[in-house]
N, C-alpha and C. Protein backbone atom coordinates (compact mmCIF):
# COMPACT_ATOMS: atom_id res chain seq x y z
N MET A 1 29.17 -19.11 -31.23
CA MET A 1 27.87 -18.52 -31.52
C MET A 1 28.10 -17.15 -32.16
N ARG A 2 27.34 -16.87 -33.17
CA ARG A 2 27.45 -15.57 -33.85
C ARG A 2 26.73 -14.50 -33.04
N GLU A 3 27.25 -13.26 -33.11
CA GLU A 3 26.67 -12.14 -32.35
C GLU A 3 25.25 -11.82 -32.79
N ASP A 4 24.94 -12.03 -34.05
CA ASP A 4 23.61 -11.68 -34.55
C ASP A 4 22.65 -12.87 -34.52
N PHE A 5 23.01 -13.90 -33.76
CA PHE A 5 22.18 -15.11 -33.71
C PHE A 5 20.76 -14.79 -33.25
N PHE A 6 20.62 -13.91 -32.25
CA PHE A 6 19.29 -13.58 -31.71
C PHE A 6 18.73 -12.29 -32.29
N VAL A 7 19.16 -11.94 -33.48
CA VAL A 7 18.75 -10.68 -34.09
C VAL A 7 17.23 -10.59 -34.29
N ASN A 8 16.56 -11.71 -34.49
CA ASN A 8 15.10 -11.70 -34.72
C ASN A 8 14.31 -12.22 -33.52
N TYR A 9 14.86 -12.08 -32.30
CA TYR A 9 14.22 -12.63 -31.12
C TYR A 9 12.82 -12.06 -30.88
N LYS A 10 12.56 -10.82 -31.32
CA LYS A 10 11.27 -10.20 -31.04
C LYS A 10 10.09 -10.98 -31.62
N SER A 11 10.32 -11.68 -32.71
CA SER A 11 9.23 -12.47 -33.29
C SER A 11 8.89 -13.70 -32.44
N PHE A 12 9.72 -14.01 -31.43
CA PHE A 12 9.48 -15.15 -30.55
C PHE A 12 8.94 -14.74 -29.18
N VAL A 13 8.83 -13.44 -28.96
CA VAL A 13 8.34 -12.97 -27.67
C VAL A 13 6.83 -13.19 -27.60
N VAL A 14 6.40 -13.87 -26.54
CA VAL A 14 4.97 -14.10 -26.31
C VAL A 14 4.56 -13.13 -25.21
N THR A 15 3.77 -12.15 -25.56
CA THR A 15 3.35 -11.16 -24.56
C THR A 15 2.27 -11.74 -23.67
N PRO A 16 2.31 -11.42 -22.39
CA PRO A 16 1.29 -11.93 -21.47
C PRO A 16 -0.10 -11.44 -21.88
N LEU A 17 -1.10 -12.28 -21.66
CA LEU A 17 -2.47 -11.91 -22.02
C LEU A 17 -2.97 -10.75 -21.18
N ASN A 18 -2.60 -10.74 -19.91
CA ASN A 18 -3.07 -9.69 -19.02
C ASN A 18 -1.98 -8.64 -18.86
N GLN A 19 -1.91 -7.72 -19.79
CA GLN A 19 -0.92 -6.66 -19.73
C GLN A 19 -1.47 -5.41 -19.09
N HIS A 20 -2.74 -5.43 -18.71
CA HIS A 20 -3.38 -4.25 -18.14
C HIS A 20 -2.73 -3.91 -16.80
N LYS A 21 -2.30 -2.70 -16.65
CA LYS A 21 -1.78 -2.21 -15.38
C LYS A 21 -2.79 -1.23 -14.84
N PHE A 22 -3.28 -1.51 -13.64
CA PHE A 22 -4.30 -0.66 -13.04
C PHE A 22 -3.77 0.75 -12.83
N GLY A 23 -2.48 0.88 -12.55
CA GLY A 23 -1.89 2.19 -12.31
C GLY A 23 -2.03 3.14 -13.48
N ASP A 24 -2.23 2.58 -14.69
CA ASP A 24 -2.38 3.41 -15.88
C ASP A 24 -3.80 3.95 -16.02
N VAL A 25 -4.73 3.42 -15.23
CA VAL A 25 -6.13 3.82 -15.32
C VAL A 25 -6.42 4.79 -14.17
N SER A 26 -7.12 5.85 -14.48
CA SER A 26 -7.44 6.80 -13.42
C SER A 26 -8.49 6.21 -12.48
N PHE A 27 -8.40 6.61 -11.23
CA PHE A 27 -9.31 6.14 -10.20
C PHE A 27 -10.70 6.74 -10.42
N ASN A 28 -11.70 5.89 -10.46
CA ASN A 28 -13.08 6.34 -10.60
C ASN A 28 -13.86 5.80 -9.41
N PRO A 29 -14.22 6.66 -8.45
CA PRO A 29 -14.89 6.18 -7.24
C PRO A 29 -16.21 5.46 -7.52
N GLU A 30 -16.84 5.75 -8.62
CA GLU A 30 -18.12 5.10 -8.94
C GLU A 30 -17.95 3.62 -9.28
N ASP A 31 -16.71 3.19 -9.49
CA ASP A 31 -16.44 1.78 -9.79
C ASP A 31 -16.40 0.92 -8.53
N TYR A 32 -16.53 1.54 -7.36
CA TYR A 32 -16.39 0.82 -6.10
C TYR A 32 -17.68 0.87 -5.30
N ALA A 33 -17.89 -0.18 -4.49
CA ALA A 33 -19.12 -0.31 -3.72
C ALA A 33 -19.03 0.32 -2.33
N ILE A 34 -17.82 0.31 -1.74
CA ILE A 34 -17.69 0.76 -0.37
C ILE A 34 -16.29 1.36 -0.16
N TYR A 35 -16.21 2.30 0.80
CA TYR A 35 -14.96 3.05 1.02
C TYR A 35 -14.67 3.12 2.52
N TYR A 36 -13.39 3.08 2.85
CA TYR A 36 -12.97 3.17 4.24
C TYR A 36 -11.83 4.17 4.35
N ILE A 37 -11.80 4.85 5.48
CA ILE A 37 -10.70 5.75 5.79
C ILE A 37 -9.85 5.02 6.84
N LEU A 38 -8.57 4.84 6.54
CA LEU A 38 -7.66 4.14 7.43
C LEU A 38 -6.63 5.13 7.95
N THR A 39 -6.52 5.22 9.26
CA THR A 39 -5.48 6.02 9.88
C THR A 39 -4.39 5.02 10.29
N VAL A 40 -3.19 5.23 9.76
CA VAL A 40 -2.11 4.27 9.91
C VAL A 40 -0.97 4.91 10.69
N SER A 41 -0.58 4.25 11.78
CA SER A 41 0.57 4.72 12.56
C SER A 41 1.49 3.55 12.83
N LEU A 42 2.73 3.86 13.14
CA LEU A 42 3.70 2.80 13.42
C LEU A 42 3.43 2.17 14.78
N ASN A 43 3.60 0.87 14.85
CA ASN A 43 3.50 0.15 16.11
C ASN A 43 4.87 0.25 16.80
N ASP A 44 4.91 0.72 18.03
CA ASP A 44 6.15 0.87 18.79
C ASP A 44 7.16 1.72 18.02
N PRO A 45 6.80 2.96 17.68
CA PRO A 45 7.67 3.79 16.83
C PRO A 45 8.93 4.27 17.54
N LEU A 46 9.99 4.36 16.76
CA LEU A 46 11.24 4.96 17.23
C LEU A 46 11.34 6.42 16.81
N ILE A 47 10.37 6.87 16.02
CA ILE A 47 10.36 8.25 15.53
C ILE A 47 9.12 8.96 16.05
N SER A 48 9.22 10.27 16.22
CA SER A 48 8.06 11.02 16.70
C SER A 48 7.27 11.67 15.57
N ASN A 49 7.89 11.76 14.39
CA ASN A 49 7.20 12.28 13.20
C ASN A 49 7.92 11.76 11.96
N TRP A 50 7.33 11.96 10.78
CA TRP A 50 7.89 11.40 9.55
C TRP A 50 9.21 12.05 9.15
N LYS A 51 9.44 13.29 9.58
CA LYS A 51 10.73 13.93 9.28
C LYS A 51 11.87 13.12 9.88
N ASP A 52 11.64 12.56 11.06
CA ASP A 52 12.67 11.78 11.74
C ASP A 52 13.07 10.51 10.98
N ALA A 53 12.24 10.07 10.06
CA ALA A 53 12.56 8.86 9.29
C ALA A 53 13.81 9.06 8.45
N SER A 54 14.11 10.30 8.10
CA SER A 54 15.31 10.56 7.29
C SER A 54 16.59 10.18 8.04
N GLU A 55 16.55 10.17 9.37
CA GLU A 55 17.69 9.72 10.15
C GLU A 55 18.02 8.26 9.85
N TYR A 56 17.02 7.51 9.41
CA TYR A 56 17.19 6.10 9.08
C TYR A 56 17.29 5.89 7.57
N LYS A 57 17.53 7.00 6.85
CA LYS A 57 17.65 7.00 5.39
C LYS A 57 16.39 6.48 4.70
N ILE A 58 15.25 6.91 5.23
CA ILE A 58 13.96 6.52 4.67
C ILE A 58 13.17 7.77 4.33
N ASP A 59 12.71 7.86 3.09
CA ASP A 59 11.81 8.92 2.66
C ASP A 59 10.40 8.35 2.77
N ALA A 60 9.74 8.64 3.88
CA ALA A 60 8.45 8.02 4.20
C ALA A 60 7.42 8.24 3.09
N ARG A 61 7.29 9.46 2.61
CA ARG A 61 6.27 9.74 1.59
C ARG A 61 6.55 8.98 0.31
N LYS A 62 7.79 8.97 -0.12
CA LYS A 62 8.15 8.25 -1.34
C LYS A 62 7.88 6.74 -1.16
N SER A 63 8.19 6.22 0.01
CA SER A 63 7.93 4.81 0.31
C SER A 63 6.45 4.49 0.24
N ILE A 64 5.65 5.35 0.84
CA ILE A 64 4.19 5.13 0.84
C ILE A 64 3.66 5.14 -0.58
N ASP A 65 4.05 6.13 -1.36
CA ASP A 65 3.59 6.21 -2.75
C ASP A 65 4.00 4.97 -3.54
N HIS A 66 5.22 4.53 -3.36
CA HIS A 66 5.72 3.35 -4.08
C HIS A 66 4.90 2.10 -3.73
N VAL A 67 4.72 1.87 -2.44
CA VAL A 67 4.00 0.66 -2.00
C VAL A 67 2.54 0.69 -2.43
N LEU A 68 1.89 1.84 -2.31
CA LEU A 68 0.47 1.92 -2.69
C LEU A 68 0.29 1.77 -4.19
N ASN A 69 1.18 2.36 -4.99
CA ASN A 69 1.10 2.19 -6.44
C ASN A 69 1.28 0.73 -6.83
N GLU A 70 2.22 0.08 -6.20
CA GLU A 70 2.46 -1.34 -6.46
C GLU A 70 1.24 -2.18 -6.08
N PHE A 71 0.65 -1.88 -4.92
CA PHE A 71 -0.54 -2.56 -4.45
C PHE A 71 -1.68 -2.39 -5.45
N ASN A 72 -1.92 -1.15 -5.89
CA ASN A 72 -3.02 -0.87 -6.82
C ASN A 72 -2.84 -1.61 -8.14
N GLU A 73 -1.63 -1.68 -8.64
CA GLU A 73 -1.37 -2.39 -9.89
C GLU A 73 -1.66 -3.88 -9.73
N LYS A 74 -1.26 -4.45 -8.61
CA LYS A 74 -1.46 -5.89 -8.38
C LYS A 74 -2.94 -6.24 -8.19
N GLN A 75 -3.72 -5.33 -7.62
CA GLN A 75 -5.12 -5.62 -7.33
C GLN A 75 -6.02 -5.55 -8.56
N GLY A 76 -5.57 -4.91 -9.60
CA GLY A 76 -6.35 -4.85 -10.83
C GLY A 76 -7.73 -4.25 -10.68
N GLY A 77 -7.90 -3.35 -9.73
CA GLY A 77 -9.18 -2.67 -9.57
C GLY A 77 -10.08 -3.27 -8.51
N LYS A 78 -9.72 -4.40 -7.91
CA LYS A 78 -10.55 -5.00 -6.86
C LYS A 78 -10.54 -4.13 -5.61
N TYR A 79 -9.37 -3.63 -5.27
CA TYR A 79 -9.18 -2.70 -4.16
C TYR A 79 -8.33 -1.55 -4.67
N HIS A 80 -8.46 -0.40 -4.03
CA HIS A 80 -7.64 0.74 -4.40
C HIS A 80 -7.28 1.52 -3.14
N LEU A 81 -5.99 1.80 -2.96
CA LEU A 81 -5.51 2.61 -1.84
C LEU A 81 -5.03 3.95 -2.35
N GLN A 82 -5.34 4.99 -1.59
CA GLN A 82 -4.97 6.35 -2.00
C GLN A 82 -4.62 7.16 -0.75
N VAL A 83 -3.50 7.87 -0.79
CA VAL A 83 -3.11 8.72 0.33
C VAL A 83 -4.03 9.94 0.37
N LEU A 84 -4.60 10.18 1.54
CA LEU A 84 -5.44 11.36 1.73
C LEU A 84 -4.71 12.43 2.53
N GLU A 85 -3.87 11.99 3.46
CA GLU A 85 -3.17 12.95 4.31
C GLU A 85 -1.81 12.39 4.71
N PHE A 86 -0.80 13.19 4.49
CA PHE A 86 0.54 12.87 4.94
C PHE A 86 1.23 14.19 5.27
N GLU A 87 1.63 14.34 6.51
CA GLU A 87 2.33 15.56 6.91
C GLU A 87 3.59 15.16 7.65
N ASN A 88 4.70 15.78 7.28
CA ASN A 88 5.99 15.45 7.85
C ASN A 88 6.07 15.61 9.36
N ASP A 89 5.28 16.52 9.91
CA ASP A 89 5.36 16.75 11.35
C ASP A 89 4.39 15.88 12.15
N LYS A 90 3.72 14.95 11.50
CA LYS A 90 2.81 14.01 12.17
C LYS A 90 3.46 12.64 12.25
N SER A 91 2.88 11.76 13.04
CA SER A 91 3.42 10.41 13.18
C SER A 91 2.47 9.36 12.60
N TYR A 92 1.56 9.79 11.77
CA TYR A 92 0.60 8.88 11.13
C TYR A 92 0.32 9.40 9.72
N PHE A 93 -0.33 8.55 8.92
CA PHE A 93 -0.83 9.00 7.63
C PHE A 93 -2.22 8.41 7.44
N VAL A 94 -2.98 9.02 6.54
CA VAL A 94 -4.36 8.61 6.32
C VAL A 94 -4.50 8.16 4.87
N ILE A 95 -5.11 7.00 4.69
CA ILE A 95 -5.34 6.49 3.33
C ILE A 95 -6.80 6.10 3.18
N ALA A 96 -7.25 6.11 1.93
CA ALA A 96 -8.60 5.66 1.60
C ALA A 96 -8.48 4.28 0.97
N LEU A 97 -9.33 3.38 1.40
CA LEU A 97 -9.43 2.04 0.81
C LEU A 97 -10.77 1.95 0.13
N SER A 98 -10.76 1.72 -1.17
CA SER A 98 -12.00 1.53 -1.93
C SER A 98 -12.09 0.05 -2.30
N CYS A 99 -13.27 -0.53 -2.12
CA CYS A 99 -13.47 -1.97 -2.37
C CYS A 99 -14.59 -2.16 -3.39
N LYS A 100 -14.37 -3.07 -4.33
CA LYS A 100 -15.39 -3.39 -5.33
C LYS A 100 -16.63 -4.01 -4.70
N ASN A 101 -16.41 -4.88 -3.69
CA ASN A 101 -17.51 -5.61 -3.06
C ASN A 101 -17.71 -5.16 -1.63
N LYS A 102 -18.95 -5.19 -1.18
CA LYS A 102 -19.27 -4.83 0.20
C LYS A 102 -18.67 -5.87 1.14
N ILE A 103 -18.32 -5.42 2.34
CA ILE A 103 -17.82 -6.30 3.39
C ILE A 103 -18.83 -6.22 4.53
N GLU A 104 -19.16 -7.37 5.11
CA GLU A 104 -20.12 -7.39 6.21
C GLU A 104 -19.61 -6.56 7.38
N ASP A 105 -20.49 -5.76 7.98
CA ASP A 105 -20.10 -4.82 9.03
C ASP A 105 -19.33 -5.46 10.18
N GLU A 106 -19.78 -6.62 10.64
CA GLU A 106 -19.13 -7.23 11.80
C GLU A 106 -17.73 -7.77 11.49
N GLU A 107 -17.40 -7.89 10.22
CA GLU A 107 -16.10 -8.44 9.83
C GLU A 107 -15.11 -7.38 9.36
N ILE A 108 -15.54 -6.14 9.24
CA ILE A 108 -14.75 -5.09 8.61
C ILE A 108 -13.36 -4.94 9.21
N ASN A 109 -13.30 -4.69 10.53
CA ASN A 109 -12.00 -4.43 11.14
C ASN A 109 -11.03 -5.59 10.98
N ASP A 110 -11.49 -6.81 11.22
CA ASP A 110 -10.61 -7.97 11.08
C ASP A 110 -10.16 -8.17 9.65
N ILE A 111 -11.08 -8.12 8.72
CA ILE A 111 -10.74 -8.37 7.32
C ILE A 111 -9.76 -7.32 6.80
N ILE A 112 -10.08 -6.06 7.01
CA ILE A 112 -9.22 -5.00 6.48
C ILE A 112 -7.87 -5.00 7.17
N SER A 113 -7.84 -5.12 8.49
CA SER A 113 -6.56 -5.14 9.21
C SER A 113 -5.70 -6.30 8.73
N ASN A 114 -6.28 -7.48 8.65
CA ASN A 114 -5.52 -8.65 8.19
C ASN A 114 -5.08 -8.48 6.74
N TYR A 115 -5.96 -7.95 5.93
CA TYR A 115 -5.65 -7.77 4.51
C TYR A 115 -4.48 -6.80 4.34
N ILE A 116 -4.55 -5.68 5.02
CA ILE A 116 -3.47 -4.69 4.95
C ILE A 116 -2.19 -5.29 5.51
N GLU A 117 -2.27 -5.94 6.67
CA GLU A 117 -1.08 -6.55 7.27
C GLU A 117 -0.45 -7.56 6.31
N ASN A 118 -1.27 -8.37 5.66
CA ASN A 118 -0.73 -9.42 4.79
C ASN A 118 -0.25 -8.91 3.45
N LEU A 119 -0.89 -7.90 2.91
CA LEU A 119 -0.57 -7.49 1.55
C LEU A 119 0.39 -6.31 1.42
N ILE A 120 0.36 -5.39 2.35
CA ILE A 120 1.27 -4.26 2.16
C ILE A 120 2.35 -4.13 3.21
N THR A 121 2.16 -4.74 4.37
CA THR A 121 3.15 -4.57 5.43
C THR A 121 4.52 -5.07 5.01
N ASN A 122 4.58 -6.22 4.37
CA ASN A 122 5.88 -6.76 3.95
C ASN A 122 6.61 -5.81 3.01
N SER A 123 5.86 -5.17 2.13
CA SER A 123 6.48 -4.22 1.21
C SER A 123 7.10 -3.05 1.96
N PHE A 124 6.45 -2.60 3.03
CA PHE A 124 7.02 -1.55 3.86
C PHE A 124 8.15 -2.10 4.74
N TYR A 125 7.87 -3.21 5.41
CA TYR A 125 8.78 -3.76 6.41
C TYR A 125 10.14 -4.10 5.81
N ILE A 126 10.13 -4.88 4.74
CA ILE A 126 11.37 -5.32 4.13
C ILE A 126 11.73 -4.47 2.91
N GLY A 127 10.81 -4.32 1.99
CA GLY A 127 11.09 -3.62 0.75
C GLY A 127 11.49 -2.17 0.92
N GLN A 128 10.92 -1.49 1.92
CA GLN A 128 11.22 -0.07 2.15
C GLN A 128 12.01 0.16 3.44
N ASN A 129 12.43 -0.93 4.08
CA ASN A 129 13.26 -0.87 5.30
C ASN A 129 12.58 -0.20 6.50
N TRP A 130 11.26 -0.25 6.57
CA TRP A 130 10.58 0.40 7.68
C TRP A 130 10.76 -0.34 9.00
N TYR A 131 11.33 -1.54 8.98
CA TYR A 131 11.62 -2.24 10.23
C TYR A 131 12.55 -1.40 11.08
N LYS A 132 13.30 -0.50 10.46
CA LYS A 132 14.22 0.38 11.19
C LYS A 132 13.47 1.42 12.02
N LEU A 133 12.20 1.63 11.70
CA LEU A 133 11.42 2.69 12.34
C LEU A 133 10.65 2.22 13.57
N ILE A 134 10.67 0.90 13.82
CA ILE A 134 9.92 0.39 14.98
C ILE A 134 10.88 -0.22 15.99
N GLY A 135 10.42 -0.24 17.21
CA GLY A 135 11.23 -0.74 18.31
C GLY A 135 11.18 -2.26 18.44
N HIS A 136 11.75 -2.72 19.52
CA HIS A 136 11.89 -4.14 19.79
C HIS A 136 10.53 -4.86 19.82
N ARG A 137 9.57 -4.27 20.52
CA ARG A 137 8.25 -4.90 20.63
C ARG A 137 7.61 -5.10 19.25
N GLY A 138 7.68 -4.05 18.41
CA GLY A 138 7.11 -4.15 17.07
C GLY A 138 7.78 -5.22 16.23
N ARG A 139 9.09 -5.32 16.35
CA ARG A 139 9.82 -6.34 15.58
C ARG A 139 9.50 -7.75 16.08
N ASN A 140 9.41 -7.91 17.40
CA ASN A 140 9.08 -9.23 17.95
C ASN A 140 7.69 -9.68 17.53
N GLU A 141 6.75 -8.76 17.57
CA GLU A 141 5.38 -9.08 17.16
C GLU A 141 5.27 -9.15 15.64
N ARG A 142 6.29 -8.65 14.95
CA ARG A 142 6.29 -8.50 13.49
C ARG A 142 5.01 -7.78 13.04
N LYS A 143 4.73 -6.75 13.78
CA LYS A 143 3.57 -5.91 13.49
C LYS A 143 4.07 -4.50 13.28
N LEU A 144 3.96 -4.02 12.08
CA LEU A 144 4.49 -2.71 11.73
C LEU A 144 3.51 -1.59 12.04
N PHE A 145 2.22 -1.82 11.78
CA PHE A 145 1.24 -0.74 11.86
C PHE A 145 0.15 -0.98 12.90
N ASN A 146 -0.38 0.11 13.39
CA ASN A 146 -1.65 0.15 14.09
C ASN A 146 -2.59 0.87 13.12
N ILE A 147 -3.74 0.28 12.88
CA ILE A 147 -4.66 0.83 11.88
C ILE A 147 -6.03 1.02 12.50
N SER A 148 -6.58 2.23 12.36
CA SER A 148 -7.97 2.45 12.74
C SER A 148 -8.77 2.61 11.45
N ILE A 149 -9.98 2.06 11.47
CA ILE A 149 -10.79 1.96 10.26
C ILE A 149 -12.16 2.56 10.51
N LYS A 150 -12.58 3.38 9.57
CA LYS A 150 -13.92 3.95 9.65
C LYS A 150 -14.51 3.98 8.25
N GLU A 151 -15.74 3.52 8.11
CA GLU A 151 -16.39 3.54 6.81
C GLU A 151 -16.64 4.99 6.40
N TYR A 152 -16.42 5.26 5.12
CA TYR A 152 -16.65 6.60 4.59
C TYR A 152 -17.94 6.59 3.77
N THR A 153 -18.80 7.51 4.11
CA THR A 153 -20.02 7.69 3.32
C THR A 153 -20.06 9.15 2.90
N ASN A 154 -20.14 9.37 1.61
CA ASN A 154 -20.17 10.73 1.08
C ASN A 154 -21.56 11.28 1.29
N LEU A 155 -21.66 12.35 2.04
CA LEU A 155 -22.97 12.91 2.37
C LEU A 155 -23.48 13.91 1.34
N ASN A 156 -22.74 14.11 0.26
CA ASN A 156 -23.16 15.08 -0.76
C ASN A 156 -24.26 14.53 -1.62
């Protein structure tokens, strides 16, 4: 085979129809119908604050930013997660969840908890090695986070 055999390969590249990356678009709260504030803490933590995560070679803030950016890109604007509070001396972080569609009040906690557990926990648990930050009980239950949820209404 000649080295220049694939010299014109670019003319054969078929670009995907959906090249839009949500991460490239700025967040506009007016595009969403409902908002929630989620307080997220580790289930059965082995650390007392986020600084301690460095003992396990984990940069908690960088991990959170990576996973949330990845989540936002995959959702294409249907949902959006944003860090509101992260402090190294705390053992929790706070994120905002914005949803395009309203969720029925009686289903909120179950839907959001299950959704977060199913969609982002694996990225933290395996992809960012956060399984190292939880104890035996958390690993057995395969439950990384405890999440409290409260609807946010802007009173302005």
